[in-house]
Structures are given as C-alpha cells and as structure tokens.
Amino acid sequence: MGPDFQPDVPLGEVLLYGILNPATIIVAFMLGQRADDKSKIMIAGFGGAVAGSALLYIVTLLRLWDAPTLGRAVAGVFIVSLVAGFVYAAIGYATKGWTGGQK
C-alpha cells in the first residue's frame, strides 16, 4: 500500500515553499556563519527550518498568498526546509572567511 497523497496539496508548491522560504535561507545562512565547528551546521539548518515553518504558520494564520492550502502540508515543508537549511548553513559556514567572520 503506497502513500495516500491529498489532491488539494500541490507537491511542487510544497517543495518551492520549503526550498525558497526567505526565513529558512536567512536564518540558516546566518547561523552557519556563526558556527565554530562543522557539527553545528546541522543545528543551524534545524534553526532555519523552524524559522521557515514559523513564517509559513504566520502566513497561513493571516491567510496571505495561497498558504491556507499548504497549512495542511506544513510537515512536508518542514522536512524540505530542513534539508535546504543544511545546504544554506553549509554555504554560510564555507563563506564566513570571505565575509569577515572568524574561522
């Protein structure tokens, strides 16, 4: 028995909201720049995913964009944001020497 997909939740939009969420990008990148060890990149990615999910919750609460339909898929958005947050945090960690951060 396969997963039961809900037809009113577009998976493409779930991926886009997870990957291109501005809160996820900003928080994960900034926390990645402040990380002093590579193992803290995972914590920075998690923080970015939480910030992105909180932003989606606020947007859903205020009924902006078409987020009310994505409010049902917030767990999927969180998982996508978590993976994307790891990438953004790793980019922040890698570029902190170029942007004036300490290595």
PDB file of N, CA and C in Angstrom:
ATOM      1  N   MET A   1       0.839  -1.165   0.000  1.00  0.00           N
ATOM      2  CA  MET A   1       0.000   0.000   0.000  1.00  0.00           C
ATOM      3  C   MET A   1       0.891   1.237   0.000  1.00  0.00           C
ATOM      4  N   GLY A   2       0.701   2.102  -0.958  1.00  0.00           N
ATOM      5  CA  GLY A   2       1.515   3.312  -1.094  1.00  0.00           C
ATOM      6  C   GLY A   2       0.973   4.455  -0.260  1.00  0.00           C
ATOM      7  N   PRO A   3       1.694   5.557  -0.283  1.00  0.00           N
ATOM      8  CA  PRO A   3       1.234   6.722   0.483  1.00  0.00           C
ATOM      9  C   PRO A   3      -0.031   7.318  -0.111  1.00  0.00           C
ATOM     10  N   ASP A   4      -0.828   7.901   0.731  1.00  0.00           N
ATOM     11  CA  ASP A   4      -2.085   8.499   0.302  1.00  0.00           C
ATOM     12  C   ASP A   4      -1.863   9.992   0.096  1.00  0.00           C
ATOM     13  N   PHE A   5      -1.723  10.414  -1.176  1.00  0.00           N
ATOM     14  CA  PHE A   5      -1.500  11.816  -1.492  1.00  0.00           C
ATOM     15  C   PHE A   5      -2.826  12.555  -1.513  1.00  0.00           C
ATOM     16  N   GLN A   6      -2.830  13.755  -0.979  1.00  0.00           N
ATOM     17  CA  GLN A   6      -4.034  14.576  -0.981  1.00  0.00           C
ATOM     18  C   GLN A   6      -4.022  15.419  -2.245  1.00  0.00           C
ATOM     19  N   PRO A   7      -5.067  15.363  -3.040  1.00  0.00           N
ATOM     20  CA  PRO A   7      -5.052  16.070  -4.322  1.00  0.00           C
ATOM     21  C   PRO A   7      -5.082  17.595  -4.187  1.00  0.00           C
ATOM     22  N   ASP A   8      -5.507  18.131  -3.037  1.00  0.00           N
ATOM     23  CA  ASP A   8      -5.594  19.577  -2.907  1.00  0.00           C
ATOM     24  C   ASP A   8      -4.310  20.212  -2.379  1.00  0.00           C
ATOM     25  N   VAL A   9      -3.264  19.427  -2.153  1.00  0.00           N
ATOM     26  CA  VAL A   9      -1.977  19.956  -1.712  1.00  0.00           C
ATOM     27  C   VAL A   9      -0.964  19.710  -2.826  1.00  0.00           C
ATOM     28  N   PRO A  10      -0.618  20.742  -3.601  1.00  0.00           N
ATOM     29  CA  PRO A  10       0.324  20.565  -4.707  1.00  0.00           C
ATOM     30  C   PRO A  10       1.752  20.348  -4.195  1.00  0.00           C
ATOM     31  N   LEU A  11       2.340  19.224  -4.564  1.00  0.00           N
ATOM     32  CA  LEU A  11       3.672  18.877  -4.074  1.00  0.00           C
ATOM     33  C   LEU A  11       4.756  19.802  -4.606  1.00  0.00           C
ATOM     34  N   GLY A  12       4.574  20.331  -5.802  1.00  0.00           N
ATOM     35  CA  GLY A  12       5.539  21.294  -6.339  1.00  0.00           C
ATOM     36  C   GLY A  12       5.624  22.550  -5.484  1.00  0.00           C
ATOM     37  N   GLU A  13       4.474  23.016  -5.027  1.00  0.00           N
ATOM     38  CA  GLU A  13       4.476  24.192  -4.165  1.00  0.00           C
ATOM     39  C   GLU A  13       5.066  23.884  -2.793  1.00  0.00           C
ATOM     40  N   VAL A  14       4.861  22.684  -2.310  1.00  0.00           N
ATOM     41  CA  VAL A  14       5.469  22.285  -1.036  1.00  0.00           C
ATOM     42  C   VAL A  14       6.986  22.340  -1.161  1.00  0.00           C
ATOM     43  N   LEU A  15       7.519  21.841  -2.267  1.00  0.00           N
ATOM     44  CA  LEU A  15       8.963  21.900  -2.489  1.00  0.00           C
ATOM     45  C   LEU A  15       9.452  23.340  -2.603  1.00  0.00           C
ATOM     46  N   LEU A  16       8.731  24.170  -3.339  1.00  0.00           N
ATOM     47  CA  LEU A  16       9.158  25.560  -3.502  1.00  0.00           C
ATOM     48  C   LEU A  16       9.083  26.340  -2.200  1.00  0.00           C
ATOM     49  N   TYR A  17       8.012  26.143  -1.426  1.00  0.00           N
ATOM     50  CA  TYR A  17       7.915  26.828  -0.135  1.00  0.00           C
ATOM     51  C   TYR A  17       9.013  26.356   0.811  1.00  0.00           C
ATOM     52  N   GLY A  18       9.418  25.125   0.713  1.00  0.00           N
ATOM     53  CA  GLY A  18      10.478  24.620   1.580  1.00  0.00           C
ATOM     54  C   GLY A  18      11.859  25.099   1.175  1.00  0.00           C
ATOM     55  N   ILE A  19      12.122  25.136  -0.111  1.00  0.00           N
ATOM     56  CA  ILE A  19      13.457  25.495  -0.596  1.00  0.00           C
ATOM     57  C   ILE A  19      13.662  27.007  -0.650  1.00  0.00           C
ATOM     58  N   LEU A  20      12.650  27.753  -1.086  1.00  0.00           N
ATOM     59  CA  LEU A  20      12.810  29.192  -1.309  1.00  0.00           C
ATOM     60  C   LEU A  20      12.213  30.043  -0.192  1.00  0.00           C
ATOM     61  N   ASN A  21      12.017  29.479   0.975  1.00  0.00           N
ATOM     62  CA  ASN A  21      11.464  30.226   2.097  1.00  0.00           C
ATOM     63  C   ASN A  21      12.514  31.224   2.590  1.00  0.00           C
ATOM     64  N   PRO A  22      12.211  32.522   2.578  1.00  0.00           N
ATOM     65  CA  PRO A  22      13.234  33.508   2.958  1.00  0.00           C
ATOM     66  C   PRO A  22      13.697  33.372   4.402  1.00  0.00           C
ATOM     67  N   ALA A  23      12.821  32.969   5.306  1.00  0.00           N
ATOM     68  CA  ALA A  23      13.232  32.803   6.704  1.00  0.00           C
ATOM     69  C   ALA A  23      14.228  31.658   6.835  1.00  0.00           C
ATOM     70  N   THR A  24      14.008  30.580   6.115  1.00  0.00           N
ATOM     71  CA  THR A  24      14.933  29.451   6.150  1.00  0.00           C
ATOM     72  C   THR A  24      16.299  29.868   5.613  1.00  0.00           C
ATOM     73  N   ILE A  25      16.302  30.570   4.509  1.00  0.00           N
ATOM     74  CA  ILE A  25      17.562  30.980   3.887  1.00  0.00           C
ATOM     75  C   ILE A  25      18.349  31.910   4.804  1.00  0.00           C
ATOM     76  N   ILE A  26      17.703  32.935   5.314  1.00  0.00           N
ATOM     77  CA  ILE A  26      18.405  33.942   6.112  1.00  0.00           C
ATOM     78  C   ILE A  26      18.897  33.367   7.431  1.00  0.00           C
ATOM     79  N   VAL A  27      18.020  32.674   8.152  1.00  0.00           N
ATOM     80  CA  VAL A  27      18.397  32.159   9.477  1.00  0.00           C
ATOM     81  C   VAL A  27      19.463  31.080   9.364  1.00  0.00           C
ATOM     82  N   ALA A  28      19.301  30.141   8.441  1.00  0.00           N
ATOM     83  CA  ALA A  28      20.290  29.070   8.304  1.00  0.00           C
ATOM     84  C   ALA A  28      21.644  29.623   7.857  1.00  0.00           C
ATOM     85  N   PHE A  29      21.642  30.564   6.935  1.00  0.00           N
ATOM     86  CA  PHE A  29      22.901  31.139   6.461  1.00  0.00           C
ATOM     87  C   PHE A  29      23.609  31.896   7.583  1.00  0.00           C
ATOM     88  N   MET A  30      22.856  32.715   8.323  1.00  0.00           N
ATOM     89  CA  MET A  30      23.473  33.493   9.397  1.00  0.00           C
ATOM     90  C   MET A  30      23.965  32.604  10.536  1.00  0.00           C
ATOM     91  N   LEU A  31      23.190  31.577  10.885  1.00  0.00           N
ATOM     92  CA  LEU A  31      23.650  30.660  11.926  1.00  0.00           C
ATOM     93  C   LEU A  31      24.835  29.833  11.445  1.00  0.00           C
ATOM     94  N   GLY A  32      24.872  29.524  10.152  1.00  0.00           N
ATOM     95  CA  GLY A  32      26.022  28.817   9.586  1.00  0.00           C
ATOM     96  C   GLY A  32      27.286  29.653   9.657  1.00  0.00           C
ATOM     97  N   GLN A  33      27.151  30.955   9.478  1.00  0.00           N
ATOM     98  CA  GLN A  33      28.318  31.826   9.590  1.00  0.00           C
ATOM     99  C   GLN A  33      28.814  31.936  11.022  1.00  0.00           C
ATOM    100  N   ARG A  34      27.928  31.796  11.986  1.00  0.00           N
ATOM    101  CA  ARG A  34      28.320  31.890  13.391  1.00  0.00           C
ATOM    102  C   ARG A  34      28.808  30.561  13.965  1.00  0.00           C
ATOM    103  N   ALA A  35      28.643  29.488  13.222  1.00  0.00           N
ATOM    104  CA  ALA A  35      29.063  28.175  13.718  1.00  0.00           C
ATOM    105  C   ALA A  35      30.579  28.118  13.799  1.00  0.00           C
ATOM    106  N   ASP A  36      31.084  27.576  14.906  1.00  0.00           N
ATOM    107  CA  ASP A  36      32.531  27.473  15.067  1.00  0.00           C
ATOM    108  C   ASP A  36      33.031  26.047  14.857  1.00  0.00           C
ATOM    109  N   ASP A  37      32.132  25.140  14.493  1.00  0.00           N
ATOM    110  CA  ASP A  37      32.504  23.760  14.228  1.00  0.00           C
ATOM    111  C   ASP A  37      31.561  23.214  13.158  1.00  0.00           C
ATOM    112  N   LYS A  38      32.074  22.284  12.349  1.00  0.00           N
ATOM    113  CA  LYS A  38      31.246  21.737  11.261  1.00  0.00           C
ATOM    114  C   LYS A  38      30.022  20.992  11.779  1.00  0.00           C
ATOM    115  N   SER A  39      30.104  20.445  12.977  1.00  0.00           N
ATOM    116  CA  SER A  39      28.961  19.701  13.504  1.00  0.00           C
ATOM    117  C   SER A  39      27.785  20.620  13.848  1.00  0.00           C
ATOM    118  N   LYS A  40      28.031  21.898  13.993  1.00  0.00           N
ATOM    119  CA  LYS A  40      26.966  22.839  14.316  1.00  0.00           C
ATOM    120  C   LYS A  40      26.197  23.288  13.088  1.00  0.00           C
ATOM    121  N   ILE A  41      26.613  22.844  11.921  1.00  0.00           N
ATOM    122  CA  ILE A  41      25.865  23.145  10.698  1.00  0.00           C
ATOM    123  C   ILE A  41      24.489  22.504  10.753  1.00  0.00           C
ATOM    124  N   MET A  42      24.399  21.323  11.337  1.00  0.00           N
ATOM    125  CA  MET A  42      23.103  20.652  11.455  1.00  0.00           C
ATOM    126  C   MET A  42      22.162  21.434  12.360  1.00  0.00           C
ATOM    127  N   ILE A  43      22.684  22.004  13.432  1.00  0.00           N
ATOM    128  CA  ILE A  43      21.861  22.806  14.330  1.00  0.00           C
ATOM    129  C   ILE A  43      21.400  24.079  13.612  1.00  0.00           C
ATOM    130  N   ALA A  44      22.285  24.667  12.836  1.00  0.00           N
ATOM    131  CA  ALA A  44      21.929  25.872  12.082  1.00  0.00           C
ATOM    132  C   ALA A  44      20.843  25.558  11.049  1.00  0.00           C
ATOM    133  N   GLY A  45      20.950  24.425  10.385  1.00  0.00           N
ATOM    134  CA  GLY A  45      19.919  24.024   9.422  1.00  0.00           C
ATOM    135  C   GLY A  45      18.579  23.787  10.086  1.00  0.00           C
ATOM    136  N   PHE A  46      18.610  23.193  11.280  1.00  0.00           N
ATOM    137  CA  PHE A  46      17.368  22.964  12.027  1.00  0.00           C
ATOM    138  C   PHE A  46      16.738  24.286  12.442  1.00  0.00           C
ATOM    139  N   GLY A  47      17.564  25.225  12.887  1.00  0.00           N
ATOM    140  CA  GLY A  47      17.047  26.543  13.255  1.00  0.00           C
ATOM    141  C   GLY A  47      16.413  27.248  12.073  1.00  0.00           C
ATOM    142  N   GLY A  48      17.022  27.121  10.904  1.00  0.00           N
ATOM    143  CA  GLY A  48      16.440  27.710   9.703  1.00  0.00           C
ATOM    144  C   GLY A  48      15.110  27.070   9.336  1.00  0.00           C
ATOM    145  N   ALA A  49      15.017  25.755   9.493  1.00  0.00           N
ATOM    146  CA  ALA A  49      13.768  25.061   9.181  1.00  0.00           C
ATOM    147  C   ALA A  49      12.658  25.466  10.143  1.00  0.00           C
ATOM    148  N   VAL A  50      12.991  25.639  11.410  1.00  0.00           N
ATOM    149  CA  VAL A  50      11.995  26.078  12.390  1.00  0.00           C
ATOM    150  C   VAL A  50      11.519  27.494  12.056  1.00  0.00           C
ATOM    151  N   ALA A  51      12.454  28.369  11.695  1.00  0.00           N
ATOM    152  CA  ALA A  51      12.076  29.740  11.325  1.00  0.00           C
ATOM    153  C   ALA A  51      11.192  29.743  10.080  1.00  0.00           C
ATOM    154  N   GLY A  52      11.517  28.903   9.112  1.00  0.00           N
ATOM    155  CA  GLY A  52      10.696  28.817   7.906  1.00  0.00           C
ATOM    156  C   GLY A  52       9.302  28.289   8.188  1.00  0.00           C
ATOM    157  N   SER A  53       9.201  27.305   9.059  1.00  0.00           N
ATOM    158  CA  SER A  53       7.889  26.772   9.422  1.00  0.00           C
ATOM    159  C   SER A  53       7.078  27.799  10.202  1.00  0.00           C
ATOM    160  N   ALA A  54       7.752  28.568  11.051  1.00  0.00           N
ATOM    161  CA  ALA A  54       7.050  29.617  11.796  1.00  0.00           C
ATOM    162  C   ALA A  54       6.520  30.692  10.847  1.00  0.00           C
ATOM    163  N   LEU A  55       7.309  31.051   9.848  1.00  0.00           N
ATOM    164  CA  LEU A  55       6.853  32.021   8.857  1.00  0.00           C
ATOM    165  C   LEU A  55       5.651  31.489   8.090  1.00  0.00           C
ATOM    166  N   LEU A  56       5.685  30.227   7.707  1.00  0.00           N
ATOM    167  CA  LEU A  56       4.556  29.627   6.997  1.00  0.00           C
ATOM    168  C   LEU A  56       3.319  29.599   7.885  1.00  0.00           C
ATOM    169  N   TYR A  57       3.500  29.335   9.182  1.00  0.00           N
ATOM    170  CA  TYR A  57       2.370  29.331  10.109  1.00  0.00           C
ATOM    171  C   TYR A  57       1.748  30.724  10.195  1.00  0.00           C
ATOM    172  N   ILE A  58       2.578  31.752  10.281  1.00  0.00           N
ATOM    173  CA  ILE A  58       2.068  33.126  10.365  1.00  0.00           C
ATOM    174  C   ILE A  58       1.342  33.510   9.077  1.00  0.00           C
ATOM    175  N   VAL A  59       1.911  33.145   7.934  1.00  0.00           N
ATOM    176  CA  VAL A  59       1.279  33.443   6.652  1.00  0.00           C
ATOM    177  C   VAL A  59      -0.051  32.706   6.527  1.00  0.00           C
ATOM    178  N   THR A  60      -0.103  31.478   7.014  1.00  0.00           N
ATOM    179  CA  THR A  60      -1.351  30.715   6.985  1.00  0.00           C
ATOM    180  C   THR A  60      -2.380  31.329   7.918  1.00  0.00           C
ATOM    181  N   LEU A  61      -1.929  31.773   9.084  1.00  0.00           N
ATOM    182  CA  LEU A  61      -2.830  32.383  10.053  1.00  0.00           C
ATOM    183  C   LEU A  61      -3.441  33.671   9.511  1.00  0.00           C
ATOM    184  N   LEU A  62      -2.640  34.454   8.791  1.00  0.00           N
ATOM    185  CA  LEU A  62      -3.110  35.718   8.220  1.00  0.00           C
ATOM    186  C   LEU A  62      -3.788  35.553   6.857  1.00  0.00           C
ATOM    187  N   ARG A  63      -3.784  34.331   6.333  1.00  0.00           N
ATOM    188  CA  ARG A  63      -4.410  33.985   5.044  1.00  0.00           C
ATOM    189  C   ARG A  63      -3.848  34.804   3.882  1.00  0.00           C
ATOM    190  N   LEU A  64      -2.521  34.913   3.833  1.00  0.00           N
ATOM    191  CA  LEU A  64      -1.836  35.562   2.727  1.00  0.00           C
ATOM    192  C   LEU A  64      -1.475  34.504   1.689  1.00  0.00           C
ATOM    193  N   TRP A  65      -1.181  34.902   0.485  1.00  0.00           N
ATOM    194  CA  TRP A  65      -0.842  34.030  -0.637  1.00  0.00           C
ATOM    195  C   TRP A  65      -1.860  32.902  -0.745  1.00  0.00           C
ATOM    196  N   ASP A  66      -1.419  31.731  -1.125  1.00  0.00           N
ATOM    197  CA  ASP A  66      -2.314  30.570  -1.138  1.00  0.00           C
ATOM    198  C   ASP A  66      -1.891  29.585  -0.058  1.00  0.00           C
ATOM    199  N   ALA A  67      -1.276  30.107   0.968  1.00  0.00           N
ATOM    200  CA  ALA A  67      -0.754  29.265   2.040  1.00  0.00           C
ATOM    201  C   ALA A  67      -1.819  28.512   2.839  1.00  0.00           C
ATOM    202  N   PRO A  68      -3.091  28.923   2.880  1.00  0.00           N
ATOM    203  CA  PRO A  68      -4.042  28.111   3.636  1.00  0.00           C
ATOM    204  C   PRO A  68      -4.137  26.671   3.158  1.00  0.00           C
ATOM    205  N   THR A  69      -3.946  26.401   1.872  1.00  0.00           N
ATOM    206  CA  THR A  69      -3.945  25.006   1.429  1.00  0.00           C
ATOM    207  C   THR A  69      -2.654  24.307   1.831  1.00  0.00           C
ATOM    208  N   LEU A  70      -1.557  25.068   1.943  1.00  0.00           N
ATOM    209  CA  LEU A  70      -0.299  24.464   2.348  1.00  0.00           C
ATOM    210  C   LEU A  70      -0.181  24.311   3.852  1.00  0.00           C
ATOM    211  N   GLY A  71      -1.093  24.903   4.603  1.00  0.00           N
ATOM    212  CA  GLY A  71      -1.086  24.721   6.041  1.00  0.00           C
ATOM    213  C   GLY A  71      -1.274  23.266   6.429  1.00  0.00           C
ATOM    214  N   ARG A  72      -1.913  22.508   5.568  1.00  0.00           N
ATOM    215  CA  ARG A  72      -2.106  21.081   5.829  1.00  0.00           C
ATOM    216  C   ARG A  72      -0.843  20.291   5.543  1.00  0.00           C
ATOM    217  N   ALA A  73       0.084  20.870   4.808  1.00  0.00           N
ATOM    218  CA  ALA A  73       1.302  20.162   4.427  1.00  0.00           C
ATOM    219  C   ALA A  73       2.525  20.749   5.098  1.00  0.00           C
ATOM    220  N   VAL A  74       2.364  21.335   6.283  1.00  0.00           N
ATOM    221  CA  VAL A  74       3.477  22.010   6.935  1.00  0.00           C
ATOM    222  C   VAL A  74       4.573  21.025   7.340  1.00  0.00           C
ATOM    223  N   ALA A  75       4.230  19.780   7.599  1.00  0.00           N
ATOM    224  CA  ALA A  75       5.264  18.790   7.940  1.00  0.00           C
ATOM    225  C   ALA A  75       6.157  18.514   6.742  1.00  0.00           C
ATOM    226  N   GLY A  76       5.585  18.440   5.569  1.00  0.00           N
ATOM    227  CA  GLY A  76       6.391  18.249   4.363  1.00  0.00           C
ATOM    228  C   GLY A  76       7.260  19.448   4.069  1.00  0.00           C
ATOM    229  N   VAL A  77       6.725  20.643   4.298  1.00  0.00           N
ATOM    230  CA  VAL A  77       7.506  21.856   4.100  1.00  0.00           C
ATOM    231  C   VAL A  77       8.659  21.895   5.104  1.00  0.00           C
ATOM    232  N   PHE A  78       8.405  21.458   6.339  1.00  0.00           N
ATOM    233  CA  PHE A  78       9.468  21.436   7.346  1.00  0.00           C
ATOM    234  C   PHE A  78      10.598  20.499   6.937  1.00  0.00           C
ATOM    235  N   ILE A  79      10.271  19.342   6.421  1.00  0.00           N
ATOM    236  CA  ILE A  79      11.302  18.375   6.022  1.00  0.00           C
ATOM    237  C   ILE A  79      12.120  18.920   4.853  1.00  0.00           C
ATOM    238  N   VAL A  80      11.461  19.506   3.879  1.00  0.00           N
ATOM    239  CA  VAL A  80      12.182  20.100   2.752  1.00  0.00           C
ATOM    240  C   VAL A  80      13.032  21.271   3.231  1.00  0.00           C
ATOM    241  N   SER A  81      12.490  22.089   4.148  1.00  0.00           N
ATOM    242  CA  SER A  81      13.247  23.216   4.700  1.00  0.00           C
ATOM    243  C   SER A  81      14.448  22.734   5.501  1.00  0.00           C
ATOM    244  N   LEU A  82      14.317  21.609   6.158  1.00  0.00           N
ATOM    245  CA  LEU A  82      15.423  21.057   6.937  1.00  0.00           C
ATOM    246  C   LEU A  82      16.591  20.679   6.033  1.00  0.00           C
ATOM    247  N   VAL A  83      16.297  20.014   4.942  1.00  0.00           N
ATOM    248  CA  VAL A  83      17.354  19.629   4.001  1.00  0.00           C
ATOM    249  C   VAL A  83      17.960  20.879   3.342  1.00  0.00           C
ATOM    250  N   ALA A  84      17.106  21.803   2.930  1.00  0.00           N
ATOM    251  CA  ALA A  84      17.607  23.041   2.330  1.00  0.00           C
ATOM    252  C   ALA A  84      18.378  23.872   3.353  1.00  0.00           C
ATOM    253  N   GLY A  85      17.928  23.860   4.608  1.00  0.00           N
ATOM    254  CA  GLY A  85      18.617  24.591   5.665  1.00  0.00           C
ATOM    255  C   GLY A  85      20.021  24.082   5.901  1.00  0.00           C
ATOM    256  N   PHE A  86      20.207  22.762   5.795  1.00  0.00           N
ATOM    257  CA  PHE A  86      21.558  22.203   5.907  1.00  0.00           C
ATOM    258  C   PHE A  86      22.463  22.763   4.817  1.00  0.00           C
ATOM    259  N   VAL A  87      21.934  22.864   3.615  1.00  0.00           N
ATOM    260  CA  VAL A  87      22.721  23.388   2.492  1.00  0.00           C
ATOM    261  C   VAL A  87      23.042  24.862   2.707  1.00  0.00           C
ATOM    262  N   TYR A  88      22.040  25.667   3.102  1.00  0.00           N
ATOM    263  CA  TYR A  88      22.271  27.092   3.329  1.00  0.00           C
ATOM    264  C   TYR A  88      23.242  27.325   4.484  1.00  0.00           C
ATOM    265  N   ALA A  89      23.144  26.515   5.539  1.00  0.00           N
ATOM    266  CA  ALA A  89      24.063  26.650   6.670  1.00  0.00           C
ATOM    267  C   ALA A  89      25.481  26.267   6.261  1.00  0.00           C
ATOM    268  N   ALA A  90      25.619  25.249   5.438  1.00  0.00           N
ATOM    269  CA  ALA A  90      26.949  24.856   4.963  1.00  0.00           C
ATOM    270  C   ALA A  90      27.550  25.945   4.082  1.00  0.00           C
ATOM    271  N   ILE A  91      26.730  26.598   3.271  1.00  0.00           N
ATOM    272  CA  ILE A  91      27.226  27.709   2.455  1.00  0.00           C
ATOM    273  C   ILE A  91      27.660  28.859   3.356  1.00  0.00           C
ATOM    274  N   GLY A  92      26.881  29.153   4.388  1.00  0.00           N
ATOM    275  CA  GLY A  92      27.255  30.199   5.332  1.00  0.00           C
ATOM    276  C   GLY A  92      28.539  29.875   6.064  1.00  0.00           C
ATOM    277  N   TYR A  93      28.709  28.612   6.453  1.00  0.00           N
ATOM    278  CA  TYR A  93      29.931  28.192   7.141  1.00  0.00           C
ATOM    279  C   TYR A  93      31.140  28.296   6.212  1.00  0.00           C
ATOM    280  N   ALA A  94      30.950  27.933   4.954  1.00  0.00           N
ATOM    281  CA  ALA A  94      32.060  27.962   3.996  1.00  0.00           C
ATOM    282  C   ALA A  94      32.461  29.378   3.616  1.00  0.00           C
ATOM    283  N   THR A  95      31.521  30.305   3.645  1.00  0.00           N
ATOM    284  CA  THR A  95      31.822  31.668   3.201  1.00  0.00           C
ATOM    285  C   THR A  95      32.126  32.626   4.342  1.00  0.00           C
ATOM    286  N   LYS A  96      32.170  32.158   5.568  1.00  0.00           N
ATOM    287  CA  LYS A  96      32.380  33.105   6.657  1.00  0.00           C
ATOM    288  C   LYS A  96      33.777  33.701   6.669  1.00  0.00           C
ATOM    289  N   GLY A  97      34.764  33.047   6.089  1.00  0.00           N
ATOM    290  CA  GLY A  97      36.084  33.620   5.984  1.00  0.00           C
ATOM    291  C   GLY A  97      36.146  34.756   4.981  1.00  0.00           C
ATOM    292  N   TRP A  98      35.289  34.686   3.954  1.00  0.00           N
ATOM    293  CA  TRP A  98      35.256  35.715   2.916  1.00  0.00           C
ATOM    294  C   TRP A  98      34.465  36.941   3.358  1.00  0.00           C
ATOM    295  N   THR A  99      33.500  36.751   4.248  1.00  0.00           N
ATOM    296  CA  THR A  99      32.615  37.856   4.616  1.00  0.00           C
ATOM    297  C   THR A  99      33.007  38.514   5.925  1.00  0.00           C
ATOM    298  N   GLY A 100      34.160  38.218   6.453  1.00  0.00           N
ATOM    299  CA  GLY A 100      34.622  38.867   7.667  1.00  0.00           C
ATOM    300  C   GLY A 100      34.373  38.075   8.930  1.00  0.00           C
ATOM    301  N   GLY A 101      33.780  36.903   8.821  1.00  0.00           N
ATOM    302  CA  GLY A 101      33.578  36.066  10.007  1.00  0.00           C
ATOM    303  C   GLY A 101      34.874  35.396  10.425  1.00  0.00           C
ATOM    304  N   GLN A 102      34.877  34.863  11.618  1.00  0.00           N
ATOM    305  CA  GLN A 102      36.081  34.202  12.115  1.00  0.00           C
ATOM    306  C   GLN A 102      36.046  32.735  11.764  1.00  0.00           C
ATOM    307  N   LYS A 103      37.202  32.184  11.400  1.00  0.00           N
ATOM    308  CA  LYS A 103      37.283  30.753  11.110  1.00  0.00           C
ATOM    309  C   LYS A 103      38.042  30.020  12.110  1.00  0.00           C
TER     310      LYS A 103
END
